Amino acid sequence: MIVCHCQSITDHDIRAAVDWMRTADADTVITPGRIYHALGKRADCGGCMPLFLDTMRKNENFRVPGRNGAPILRRRPQAFAAE
């Protein structure tokens, strides 16, 4: 399925880029900009960004693995208690 019509990027392209980046560096932070760069493209209008992000995040290799290979789940920062 085409995700970005402006740059002709498919869901397969996004998944392949995420897989390639995770294989190249297990600790890398994967962003849409890095995916565009890996594909030799540049973001244009941004209309695809919600679908682009959804496709990127659904890839099992998107999250940085923890010590035992499990994804690292980050907690939301808690508000500071009033003094």
C-alpha atoms as a PDB file:
ATOM      1  CA  MET A   1       0.000   0.000   0.000  1.00  0.00           C
ATOM      2  CA  ILE A   2       1.268   3.490  -0.783  1.00  0.00           C
ATOM      3  CA  VAL A   3       1.764   5.496   2.397  1.00  0.00           C
ATOM      4  CA  CYS A   4       3.365   8.642   0.960  1.00  0.00           C
ATOM      5  CA  HIS A   5       2.015   9.642  -2.448  1.00  0.00           C
ATOM      6  CA  CYS A   6       4.377  12.632  -2.787  1.00  0.00           C
ATOM      7  CA  GLN A   7       7.474  10.418  -2.551  1.00  0.00           C
ATOM      8  CA  SER A   8       5.954   7.058  -3.622  1.00  0.00           C
ATOM      9  CA  ILE A   9       6.809   5.300  -0.349  1.00  0.00           C
ATOM     10  CA  THR A  10       4.999   2.072   0.452  1.00  0.00           C
ATOM     11  CA  ASP A  11       4.383   0.298   3.728  1.00  0.00           C
ATOM     12  CA  HIS A  12       6.867  -2.332   2.526  1.00  0.00           C
ATOM     13  CA  ASP A  13       9.534   0.381   2.063  1.00  0.00           C
ATOM     14  CA  ILE A  14       8.987   1.629   5.619  1.00  0.00           C
ATOM     15  CA  ARG A  15       9.136  -1.871   7.136  1.00  0.00           C
ATOM     16  CA  ALA A  16      12.277  -2.706   5.155  1.00  0.00           C
ATOM     17  CA  ALA A  17      13.970   0.535   6.271  1.00  0.00           C
ATOM     18  CA  VAL A  18      13.114  -0.123   9.942  1.00  0.00           C
ATOM     19  CA  ASP A  19      14.413  -3.698   9.675  1.00  0.00           C
ATOM     20  CA  TRP A  20      17.616  -2.527   7.978  1.00  0.00           C
ATOM     21  CA  MET A  21      18.270   0.210  10.560  1.00  0.00           C
ATOM     22  CA  ARG A  22      17.668  -2.141  13.502  1.00  0.00           C
ATOM     23  CA  THR A  23      20.004  -4.748  11.964  1.00  0.00           C
ATOM     24  CA  ALA A  24      22.698  -2.132  11.318  1.00  0.00           C
ATOM     25  CA  ASP A  25      22.520  -0.687  14.851  1.00  0.00           C
ATOM     26  CA  ALA A  26      20.391  -2.349  17.513  1.00  0.00           C
ATOM     27  CA  ASP A  27      20.436   0.788  19.689  1.00  0.00           C
ATOM     28  CA  THR A  28      19.524   3.379  17.063  1.00  0.00           C
ATOM     29  CA  VAL A  29      16.521   5.635  17.550  1.00  0.00           C
ATOM     30  CA  ILE A  30      14.355   5.267  14.473  1.00  0.00           C
ATOM     31  CA  THR A  31      12.534   8.403  13.337  1.00  0.00           C
ATOM     32  CA  PRO A  32      10.517   9.266  10.242  1.00  0.00           C
ATOM     33  CA  GLY A  33      13.347  11.533   9.108  1.00  0.00           C
ATOM     34  CA  ARG A  34      15.836   8.690   9.298  1.00  0.00           C
ATOM     35  CA  ILE A  35      13.498   6.447   7.335  1.00  0.00           C
ATOM     36  CA  TYR A  36      13.087   9.076   4.620  1.00  0.00           C
ATOM     37  CA  HIS A  37      16.871   9.512   4.526  1.00  0.00           C
ATOM     38  CA  ALA A  38      17.464   5.745   4.341  1.00  0.00           C
ATOM     39  CA  LEU A  39      15.085   5.611   1.370  1.00  0.00           C
ATOM     40  CA  GLY A  40      16.811   8.552  -0.319  1.00  0.00           C
ATOM     41  CA  LYS A  41      13.673  10.691  -0.029  1.00  0.00           C
ATOM     42  CA  ARG A  42      12.543  13.876   1.723  1.00  0.00           C
ATOM     43  CA  ALA A  43       9.246  14.600   3.427  1.00  0.00           C
ATOM     44  CA  ASP A  44       7.042  16.920   1.399  1.00  0.00           C
ATOM     45  CA  CYS A  45       3.526  17.899   2.494  1.00  0.00           C
ATOM     46  CA  GLY A  46       3.308  15.792   5.695  1.00  0.00           C
ATOM     47  CA  GLY A  47      -0.188  14.527   4.922  1.00  0.00           C
ATOM     48  CA  CYS A  48       1.058  10.954   5.185  1.00  0.00           C
ATOM     49  CA  MET A  49       2.607  11.367   8.629  1.00  0.00           C
ATOM     50  CA  PRO A  50      -0.186   9.722  10.691  1.00  0.00           C
ATOM     51  CA  LEU A  51      -0.171   6.619   8.468  1.00  0.00           C
ATOM     52  CA  PHE A  52       3.631   6.745   8.164  1.00  0.00           C
ATOM     53  CA  LEU A  53       4.015   6.757  11.977  1.00  0.00           C
ATOM     54  CA  ASP A  54       1.435   4.007  12.420  1.00  0.00           C
ATOM     55  CA  THR A  55       3.214   1.805   9.876  1.00  0.00           C
ATOM     56  CA  MET A  56       6.601   2.505  11.459  1.00  0.00           C
ATOM     57  CA  ARG A  57       5.413   1.779  15.013  1.00  0.00           C
ATOM     58  CA  LYS A  58       3.683  -1.492  14.074  1.00  0.00           C
ATOM     59  CA  ASN A  59       6.980  -2.998  12.933  1.00  0.00           C
ATOM     60  CA  GLU A  60       8.229  -5.465  15.571  1.00  0.00           C
ATOM     61  CA  ASN A  61      11.786  -4.159  15.068  1.00  0.00           C
ATOM     62  CA  PHE A  62      10.836  -0.538  15.792  1.00  0.00           C
ATOM     63  CA  ARG A  63      11.504  -0.597  19.551  1.00  0.00           C
ATOM     64  CA  VAL A  64      15.014  -0.763  20.941  1.00  0.00           C
ATOM     65  CA  PRO A  65      15.380  -4.211  22.550  1.00  0.00           C
ATOM     66  CA  GLY A  66      16.201  -4.555  26.243  1.00  0.00           C
ATOM     67  CA  ARG A  67      18.789  -6.857  27.779  1.00  0.00           C
ATOM     68  CA  ASN A  68      16.856 -10.054  27.157  1.00  0.00           C
ATOM     69  CA  GLY A  69      15.580  -8.950  23.744  1.00  0.00           C
ATOM     70  CA  ALA A  70      12.283  -7.650  25.103  1.00  0.00           C
ATOM     71  CA  PRO A  71      11.193  -4.157  24.080  1.00  0.00           C
ATOM     72  CA  ILE A  72      12.022  -1.383  26.497  1.00  0.00           C
ATOM     73  CA  LEU A  73       8.802   0.192  27.681  1.00  0.00           C
ATOM     74  CA  ARG A  74       9.166   3.737  28.813  1.00  0.00           C
ATOM     75  CA  ARG A  75       7.004   5.160  31.563  1.00  0.00           C
ATOM     76  CA  ARG A  76       5.563   8.610  31.370  1.00  0.00           C
ATOM     77  CA  PRO A  77       7.385  11.117  33.558  1.00  0.00           C
ATOM     78  CA  GLN A  78       5.565  11.711  36.785  1.00  0.00           C
ATOM     79  CA  ALA A  79       4.732  15.222  37.893  1.00  0.00           C
ATOM     80  CA  PHE A  80       6.898  16.627  40.650  1.00  0.00           C
ATOM     81  CA  ALA A  81       5.221  16.580  44.046  1.00  0.00           C
ATOM     82  CA  ALA A  82       4.395  19.972  45.493  1.00  0.00           C
ATOM     83  CA  GLU A  83       6.771  20.997  48.232  1.00  0.00           C
END
